[in-house]
Amino acid sequence: MAEQAALKHSRQRDAIVAFLKNRTDHPTADTVYQEIRNTIPNISLGTVYRNLSLLSERGEILRLTCDGKIDRFDADTHPHYHFICKNCGCVQDIDFPYSEQIDQLADSAFDGTIIHHTLLFEGYCKNCIKGKSKSL
């Protein structure tokens, strides 16, 4: 794989990465935009979207497309699994070992090459089960 070209330093991009590194709730681009505006008032939503796309393309953050809805972003790029609540839409990391065996099994059944997988579990979070969010 070719080495990625050097990227010009960007205060906006640095602020986005710093914001994401302090979050575990996998925010949307709009949430990122609203928060970054507190420190960089003149930033545009388009700039946030472009930087999130660039960072995800470069593998510096993860873009999670959950249930065909709004993308969520995660600064934790190590292989791990996610959960999305079918009621409130929260996205959480699952503390469950990543299985490279799944890649190997899929590769043996596929006419191509599998290099990694993503897995999104769906169900109801503990808050929704306890009735703290909208009724199920």
N, C-alpha and C. Protein backbone atom coordinates (compact mmCIF):
# COMPACT_ATOMS: atom_id res chain seq x y z
N MET A 1 0.85 -1.18 0.00
CA MET A 1 0.00 0.00 0.00
C MET A 1 0.89 1.24 0.00
N ALA A 2 0.59 2.18 -0.84
CA ALA A 2 1.41 3.39 -0.95
C ALA A 2 1.26 4.22 0.33
N GLU A 3 2.35 4.85 0.72
CA GLU A 3 2.32 5.70 1.90
C GLU A 3 1.45 6.92 1.60
N GLN A 4 0.66 7.32 2.60
CA GLN A 4 -0.22 8.46 2.41
C GLN A 4 0.58 9.74 2.32
N ALA A 5 0.15 10.60 1.43
CA ALA A 5 0.81 11.90 1.26
C ALA A 5 0.65 12.73 2.53
N ALA A 6 1.64 13.55 2.80
CA ALA A 6 1.58 14.43 3.97
C ALA A 6 0.38 15.36 3.82
N LEU A 7 -0.26 15.60 4.92
CA LEU A 7 -1.45 16.43 4.92
C LEU A 7 -1.12 17.75 5.60
N LYS A 8 -1.49 18.84 4.96
CA LYS A 8 -1.25 20.17 5.53
C LYS A 8 -1.96 20.27 6.88
N HIS A 9 -1.28 20.86 7.85
CA HIS A 9 -1.85 21.03 9.19
C HIS A 9 -3.11 21.89 9.11
N SER A 10 -4.11 21.50 9.90
CA SER A 10 -5.37 22.23 9.92
C SER A 10 -5.87 22.33 11.35
N ARG A 11 -6.09 23.55 11.80
CA ARG A 11 -6.63 23.79 13.14
C ARG A 11 -8.01 23.15 13.28
N GLN A 12 -8.82 23.24 12.23
CA GLN A 12 -10.15 22.66 12.26
C GLN A 12 -10.09 21.14 12.41
N ARG A 13 -9.23 20.51 11.62
CA ARG A 13 -9.09 19.05 11.67
C ARG A 13 -8.58 18.61 13.04
N ASP A 14 -7.60 19.33 13.58
CA ASP A 14 -7.08 19.02 14.92
C ASP A 14 -8.19 19.11 15.96
N ALA A 15 -9.04 20.12 15.86
CA ALA A 15 -10.14 20.29 16.82
C ALA A 15 -11.15 19.15 16.71
N ILE A 16 -11.42 18.72 15.49
CA ILE A 16 -12.36 17.61 15.27
C ILE A 16 -11.82 16.33 15.89
N VAL A 17 -10.55 16.02 15.62
CA VAL A 17 -9.94 14.80 16.17
C VAL A 17 -9.91 14.85 17.69
N ALA A 18 -9.52 15.99 18.25
CA ALA A 18 -9.48 16.14 19.71
C ALA A 18 -10.87 15.94 20.32
N PHE A 19 -11.88 16.50 19.68
CA PHE A 19 -13.25 16.34 20.16
C PHE A 19 -13.66 14.88 20.15
N LEU A 20 -13.39 14.19 19.04
CA LEU A 20 -13.78 12.78 18.93
C LEU A 20 -13.04 11.89 19.92
N LYS A 21 -11.78 12.22 20.19
CA LYS A 21 -10.99 11.39 21.12
C LYS A 21 -11.53 11.47 22.55
N ASN A 22 -12.27 12.51 22.85
CA ASN A 22 -12.83 12.66 24.19
C ASN A 22 -14.27 12.16 24.28
N ARG A 23 -14.74 11.48 23.25
CA ARG A 23 -16.13 11.02 23.22
C ARG A 23 -16.19 9.51 23.07
N THR A 24 -17.21 8.91 23.67
CA THR A 24 -17.45 7.48 23.49
C THR A 24 -18.84 7.23 22.92
N ASP A 25 -19.57 8.31 22.60
CA ASP A 25 -20.96 8.17 22.16
C ASP A 25 -21.11 8.19 20.64
N HIS A 26 -20.01 8.22 19.90
CA HIS A 26 -20.05 8.14 18.45
C HIS A 26 -20.95 9.23 17.85
N PRO A 27 -20.55 10.49 17.98
CA PRO A 27 -21.40 11.61 17.56
C PRO A 27 -21.61 11.68 16.04
N THR A 28 -22.68 12.36 15.66
CA THR A 28 -22.97 12.63 14.26
C THR A 28 -22.14 13.84 13.81
N ALA A 29 -22.10 14.08 12.50
CA ALA A 29 -21.38 15.25 11.98
C ALA A 29 -22.00 16.54 12.53
N ASP A 30 -23.31 16.57 12.67
CA ASP A 30 -23.97 17.77 13.20
C ASP A 30 -23.55 18.02 14.64
N THR A 31 -23.46 16.97 15.44
CA THR A 31 -23.01 17.13 16.83
C THR A 31 -21.58 17.65 16.86
N VAL A 32 -20.72 17.11 16.01
CA VAL A 32 -19.33 17.57 15.93
C VAL A 32 -19.33 19.05 15.57
N TYR A 33 -20.09 19.42 14.55
CA TYR A 33 -20.17 20.81 14.10
C TYR A 33 -20.62 21.74 15.23
N GLN A 34 -21.69 21.37 15.93
CA GLN A 34 -22.22 22.22 17.01
C GLN A 34 -21.17 22.43 18.11
N GLU A 35 -20.42 21.40 18.44
CA GLU A 35 -19.41 21.51 19.50
C GLU A 35 -18.18 22.29 19.04
N ILE A 36 -17.72 22.03 17.81
CA ILE A 36 -16.52 22.70 17.30
C ILE A 36 -16.78 24.20 17.15
N ARG A 37 -18.01 24.58 16.85
CA ARG A 37 -18.36 26.01 16.74
C ARG A 37 -18.11 26.76 18.03
N ASN A 38 -18.11 26.06 19.16
CA ASN A 38 -17.83 26.72 20.45
C ASN A 38 -16.39 27.22 20.51
N THR A 39 -15.47 26.55 19.83
CA THR A 39 -14.07 26.97 19.85
C THR A 39 -13.63 27.64 18.55
N ILE A 40 -14.32 27.29 17.45
CA ILE A 40 -14.01 27.90 16.15
C ILE A 40 -15.34 28.39 15.57
N PRO A 41 -15.79 29.57 15.99
CA PRO A 41 -17.13 30.06 15.63
C PRO A 41 -17.40 30.18 14.13
N ASN A 42 -16.37 30.42 13.34
CA ASN A 42 -16.61 30.63 11.90
C ASN A 42 -16.49 29.35 11.08
N ILE A 43 -16.37 28.19 11.71
CA ILE A 43 -16.28 26.94 10.95
C ILE A 43 -17.63 26.64 10.31
N SER A 44 -17.61 26.10 9.10
CA SER A 44 -18.86 25.78 8.42
C SER A 44 -19.16 24.29 8.55
N LEU A 45 -20.43 23.96 8.39
CA LEU A 45 -20.83 22.56 8.41
C LEU A 45 -20.13 21.79 7.29
N GLY A 46 -19.97 22.42 6.14
CA GLY A 46 -19.27 21.79 5.01
C GLY A 46 -17.83 21.45 5.35
N THR A 47 -17.16 22.34 6.07
CA THR A 47 -15.78 22.08 6.49
C THR A 47 -15.72 20.87 7.42
N VAL A 48 -16.68 20.78 8.33
CA VAL A 48 -16.72 19.64 9.24
C VAL A 48 -16.94 18.36 8.44
N TYR A 49 -17.91 18.36 7.53
CA TYR A 49 -18.17 17.17 6.71
C TYR A 49 -16.94 16.77 5.89
N ARG A 50 -16.30 17.75 5.25
CA ARG A 50 -15.10 17.44 4.44
C ARG A 50 -13.99 16.84 5.29
N ASN A 51 -13.77 17.42 6.47
CA ASN A 51 -12.71 16.91 7.33
C ASN A 51 -13.04 15.53 7.90
N LEU A 52 -14.28 15.29 8.27
CA LEU A 52 -14.67 13.96 8.74
C LEU A 52 -14.48 12.93 7.63
N SER A 53 -14.85 13.28 6.40
CA SER A 53 -14.65 12.36 5.27
C SER A 53 -13.18 12.09 5.04
N LEU A 54 -12.38 13.14 5.04
CA LEU A 54 -10.94 12.99 4.83
C LEU A 54 -10.32 12.12 5.93
N LEU A 55 -10.65 12.41 7.17
CA LEU A 55 -10.09 11.65 8.28
C LEU A 55 -10.50 10.18 8.23
N SER A 56 -11.74 9.91 7.84
CA SER A 56 -12.18 8.51 7.75
C SER A 56 -11.53 7.81 6.56
N GLU A 57 -11.38 8.50 5.43
CA GLU A 57 -10.70 7.91 4.27
C GLU A 57 -9.25 7.57 4.58
N ARG A 58 -8.61 8.38 5.40
CA ARG A 58 -7.22 8.17 5.78
C ARG A 58 -7.07 7.16 6.92
N GLY A 59 -8.19 6.69 7.48
CA GLY A 59 -8.14 5.70 8.55
C GLY A 59 -7.81 6.29 9.91
N GLU A 60 -7.93 7.62 10.04
CA GLU A 60 -7.61 8.27 11.31
C GLU A 60 -8.81 8.26 12.26
N ILE A 61 -10.01 8.09 11.73
CA ILE A 61 -11.22 7.91 12.51
C ILE A 61 -12.07 6.87 11.78
N LEU A 62 -13.09 6.35 12.46
CA LEU A 62 -14.03 5.43 11.83
C LEU A 62 -15.32 6.16 11.51
N ARG A 63 -15.88 5.83 10.36
CA ARG A 63 -17.22 6.30 9.98
C ARG A 63 -18.13 5.08 10.13
N LEU A 64 -19.16 5.22 10.94
CA LEU A 64 -20.10 4.14 11.16
C LEU A 64 -21.43 4.51 10.51
N THR A 65 -21.87 3.72 9.56
CA THR A 65 -23.18 3.92 8.96
C THR A 65 -24.11 2.93 9.64
N CYS A 66 -24.99 3.45 10.45
CA CYS A 66 -25.83 2.63 11.30
C CYS A 66 -27.25 2.56 10.75
N ASP A 67 -27.66 1.39 10.34
CA ASP A 67 -29.05 1.17 9.95
C ASP A 67 -29.48 2.07 8.80
N GLY A 68 -28.51 2.43 7.92
CA GLY A 68 -28.82 3.28 6.78
C GLY A 68 -29.18 4.70 7.14
N LYS A 69 -28.92 5.09 8.38
CA LYS A 69 -29.27 6.43 8.85
C LYS A 69 -28.03 7.30 8.87
N ILE A 70 -28.05 8.31 9.68
CA ILE A 70 -26.96 9.28 9.78
C ILE A 70 -25.67 8.60 10.23
N ASP A 71 -24.56 8.96 9.58
CA ASP A 71 -23.26 8.43 9.96
C ASP A 71 -22.87 8.91 11.35
N ARG A 72 -22.14 8.05 12.04
CA ARG A 72 -21.57 8.37 13.34
C ARG A 72 -20.05 8.25 13.20
N PHE A 73 -19.31 8.89 14.10
CA PHE A 73 -17.85 8.91 13.99
C PHE A 73 -17.20 8.47 15.30
N ASP A 74 -16.07 7.79 15.15
CA ASP A 74 -15.38 7.18 16.29
C ASP A 74 -13.88 7.38 16.11
N ALA A 75 -13.22 7.93 17.12
CA ALA A 75 -11.77 8.13 17.05
C ALA A 75 -11.01 6.86 17.39
N ASP A 76 -11.69 5.86 17.94
CA ASP A 76 -11.05 4.59 18.29
C ASP A 76 -11.01 3.73 17.03
N THR A 77 -9.83 3.63 16.41
CA THR A 77 -9.73 2.93 15.13
C THR A 77 -9.27 1.48 15.26
N HIS A 78 -9.02 1.01 16.48
CA HIS A 78 -8.63 -0.40 16.59
C HIS A 78 -9.86 -1.25 16.26
N PRO A 79 -9.67 -2.46 15.76
CA PRO A 79 -10.83 -3.30 15.40
C PRO A 79 -11.69 -3.61 16.63
N HIS A 80 -12.94 -3.23 16.56
CA HIS A 80 -13.89 -3.51 17.63
C HIS A 80 -15.31 -3.46 17.08
N TYR A 81 -16.23 -3.93 17.90
CA TYR A 81 -17.62 -4.04 17.49
C TYR A 81 -18.48 -2.94 18.12
N HIS A 82 -19.64 -2.71 17.50
CA HIS A 82 -20.55 -1.66 17.95
C HIS A 82 -21.96 -2.21 18.13
N PHE A 83 -22.72 -1.50 18.93
CA PHE A 83 -24.12 -1.80 19.21
C PHE A 83 -24.93 -0.54 18.91
N ILE A 84 -26.10 -0.71 18.29
CA ILE A 84 -27.02 0.41 18.10
C ILE A 84 -28.37 0.02 18.68
N CYS A 85 -28.93 0.94 19.46
CA CYS A 85 -30.24 0.71 20.06
C CYS A 85 -31.33 0.99 19.03
N LYS A 86 -32.22 0.04 18.86
CA LYS A 86 -33.33 0.16 17.90
C LYS A 86 -34.37 1.16 18.37
N ASN A 87 -34.31 1.56 19.64
CA ASN A 87 -35.29 2.51 20.17
C ASN A 87 -34.75 3.94 20.16
N CYS A 88 -33.66 4.18 20.89
CA CYS A 88 -33.18 5.56 21.03
C CYS A 88 -32.07 5.92 20.04
N GLY A 89 -31.48 4.92 19.37
CA GLY A 89 -30.46 5.18 18.37
C GLY A 89 -29.06 5.37 18.90
N CYS A 90 -28.85 5.18 20.20
CA CYS A 90 -27.49 5.33 20.73
C CYS A 90 -26.56 4.29 20.11
N VAL A 91 -25.31 4.66 19.97
CA VAL A 91 -24.30 3.76 19.45
C VAL A 91 -23.23 3.60 20.53
N GLN A 92 -22.90 2.35 20.84
CA GLN A 92 -21.94 2.07 21.90
C GLN A 92 -20.92 1.05 21.41
N ASP A 93 -19.71 1.12 21.98
CA ASP A 93 -18.72 0.08 21.76
C ASP A 93 -19.13 -1.14 22.57
N ILE A 94 -18.79 -2.32 22.05
CA ILE A 94 -19.01 -3.56 22.79
C ILE A 94 -17.64 -4.09 23.18
N ASP A 95 -17.47 -4.36 24.45
CA ASP A 95 -16.21 -4.90 24.96
C ASP A 95 -16.22 -6.41 24.73
N PHE A 96 -15.90 -6.78 23.50
CA PHE A 96 -15.96 -8.17 23.05
C PHE A 96 -14.77 -8.37 22.12
N PRO A 97 -14.00 -9.43 22.29
CA PRO A 97 -12.79 -9.59 21.47
C PRO A 97 -13.09 -9.64 19.96
N TYR A 98 -12.31 -8.90 19.22
CA TYR A 98 -12.41 -8.91 17.76
C TYR A 98 -11.93 -10.26 17.26
N SER A 99 -12.64 -10.86 16.32
CA SER A 99 -12.31 -12.20 15.83
C SER A 99 -11.80 -12.16 14.39
N GLU A 100 -10.49 -12.39 14.23
CA GLU A 100 -9.92 -12.49 12.89
C GLU A 100 -10.36 -13.78 12.22
N GLN A 101 -10.84 -14.74 13.00
CA GLN A 101 -11.33 -16.00 12.45
C GLN A 101 -12.54 -15.76 11.53
N ILE A 102 -13.33 -14.74 11.83
CA ILE A 102 -14.47 -14.41 10.97
C ILE A 102 -13.96 -14.03 9.57
N ASP A 103 -12.87 -13.25 9.51
CA ASP A 103 -12.28 -12.90 8.21
C ASP A 103 -11.86 -14.15 7.45
N GLN A 104 -11.22 -15.08 8.15
CA GLN A 104 -10.73 -16.30 7.52
C GLN A 104 -11.88 -17.16 7.03
N LEU A 105 -12.94 -17.30 7.83
CA LEU A 105 -14.11 -18.08 7.42
C LEU A 105 -14.78 -17.47 6.20
N ALA A 106 -14.95 -16.15 6.23
CA ALA A 106 -15.58 -15.48 5.09
C ALA A 106 -14.71 -15.58 3.85
N ASP A 107 -13.40 -15.45 4.01
CA ASP A 107 -12.47 -15.52 2.89
C ASP A 107 -12.54 -16.89 2.21
N SER A 108 -12.70 -17.95 3.01
CA SER A 108 -12.75 -19.29 2.44
C SER A 108 -14.05 -19.53 1.67
N ALA A 109 -15.08 -18.75 1.93
CA ALA A 109 -16.37 -18.90 1.27
C ALA A 109 -16.62 -17.85 0.20
N PHE A 110 -15.61 -17.05 -0.10
CA PHE A 110 -15.79 -15.91 -0.99
C PHE A 110 -14.76 -15.95 -2.11
N ASP A 111 -15.21 -15.66 -3.33
CA ASP A 111 -14.31 -15.62 -4.49
C ASP A 111 -13.69 -14.23 -4.58
N GLY A 112 -12.76 -13.97 -3.69
CA GLY A 112 -12.10 -12.68 -3.58
C GLY A 112 -11.21 -12.72 -2.36
N THR A 113 -10.88 -11.58 -1.84
CA THR A 113 -10.03 -11.51 -0.66
C THR A 113 -10.68 -10.64 0.40
N ILE A 114 -10.87 -11.21 1.57
CA ILE A 114 -11.42 -10.48 2.71
C ILE A 114 -10.23 -9.93 3.51
N ILE A 115 -10.27 -8.64 3.82
CA ILE A 115 -9.16 -8.06 4.59
C ILE A 115 -9.58 -7.66 6.00
N HIS A 116 -10.87 -7.41 6.24
CA HIS A 116 -11.38 -7.14 7.57
C HIS A 116 -12.90 -7.12 7.52
N HIS A 117 -13.50 -7.04 8.67
CA HIS A 117 -14.97 -6.98 8.73
C HIS A 117 -15.40 -5.96 9.77
N THR A 118 -16.65 -5.54 9.63
CA THR A 118 -17.28 -4.72 10.65
C THR A 118 -18.55 -5.45 11.06
N LEU A 119 -18.89 -5.30 12.30
CA LEU A 119 -20.06 -5.99 12.82
C LEU A 119 -20.81 -5.04 13.72
N LEU A 120 -22.09 -4.87 13.45
CA LEU A 120 -22.94 -3.97 14.21
C LEU A 120 -24.07 -4.79 14.82
N PHE A 121 -24.10 -4.83 16.14
CA PHE A 121 -25.16 -5.53 16.85
C PHE A 121 -26.31 -4.56 17.07
N GLU A 122 -27.54 -5.08 17.01
CA GLU A 122 -28.73 -4.26 17.22
C GLU A 122 -29.57 -4.85 18.35
N GLY A 123 -30.23 -4.00 19.06
CA GLY A 123 -31.10 -4.43 20.14
C GLY A 123 -31.58 -3.23 20.92
N TYR A 124 -31.72 -3.38 22.24
CA TYR A 124 -32.19 -2.30 23.09
C TYR A 124 -31.18 -2.06 24.20
N CYS A 125 -30.80 -0.81 24.39
CA CYS A 125 -29.83 -0.46 25.43
C CYS A 125 -30.48 -0.58 26.80
N LYS A 126 -29.64 -0.58 27.83
CA LYS A 126 -30.16 -0.75 29.19
C LYS A 126 -31.09 0.39 29.60
N ASN A 127 -30.84 1.62 29.12
CA ASN A 127 -31.72 2.74 29.46
C ASN A 127 -33.12 2.55 28.89
N CYS A 128 -33.19 2.06 27.66
CA CYS A 128 -34.50 1.84 27.04
C CYS A 128 -35.22 0.68 27.72
N ILE A 129 -34.48 -0.35 28.08
CA ILE A 129 -35.08 -1.49 28.76
C ILE A 129 -35.65 -1.06 30.11
N LYS A 130 -34.94 -0.17 30.78
CA LYS A 130 -35.40 0.33 32.08
C LYS A 130 -36.51 1.38 31.95
N GLY A 131 -36.83 1.76 30.71
CA GLY A 131 -37.90 2.72 30.50
C GLY A 131 -37.49 4.17 30.62
N LYS A 132 -36.17 4.47 30.55
CA LYS A 132 -35.71 5.85 30.67
C LYS A 132 -35.83 6.62 29.36
N SER A 133 -36.00 5.92 28.24
CA SER A 133 -36.17 6.58 26.94
C SER A 133 -37.59 6.32 26.44
N LYS A 134 -37.81 6.61 25.17
CA LYS A 134 -39.11 6.36 24.56
C LYS A 134 -39.52 4.90 24.81
N SER A 135 -40.80 4.64 24.93
CA SER A 135 -41.25 3.27 25.17
C SER A 135 -40.93 2.40 23.97
N LEU A 136 -40.64 1.12 24.25
CA LEU A 136 -40.23 0.18 23.20
C LEU A 136 -41.39 -0.24 22.34
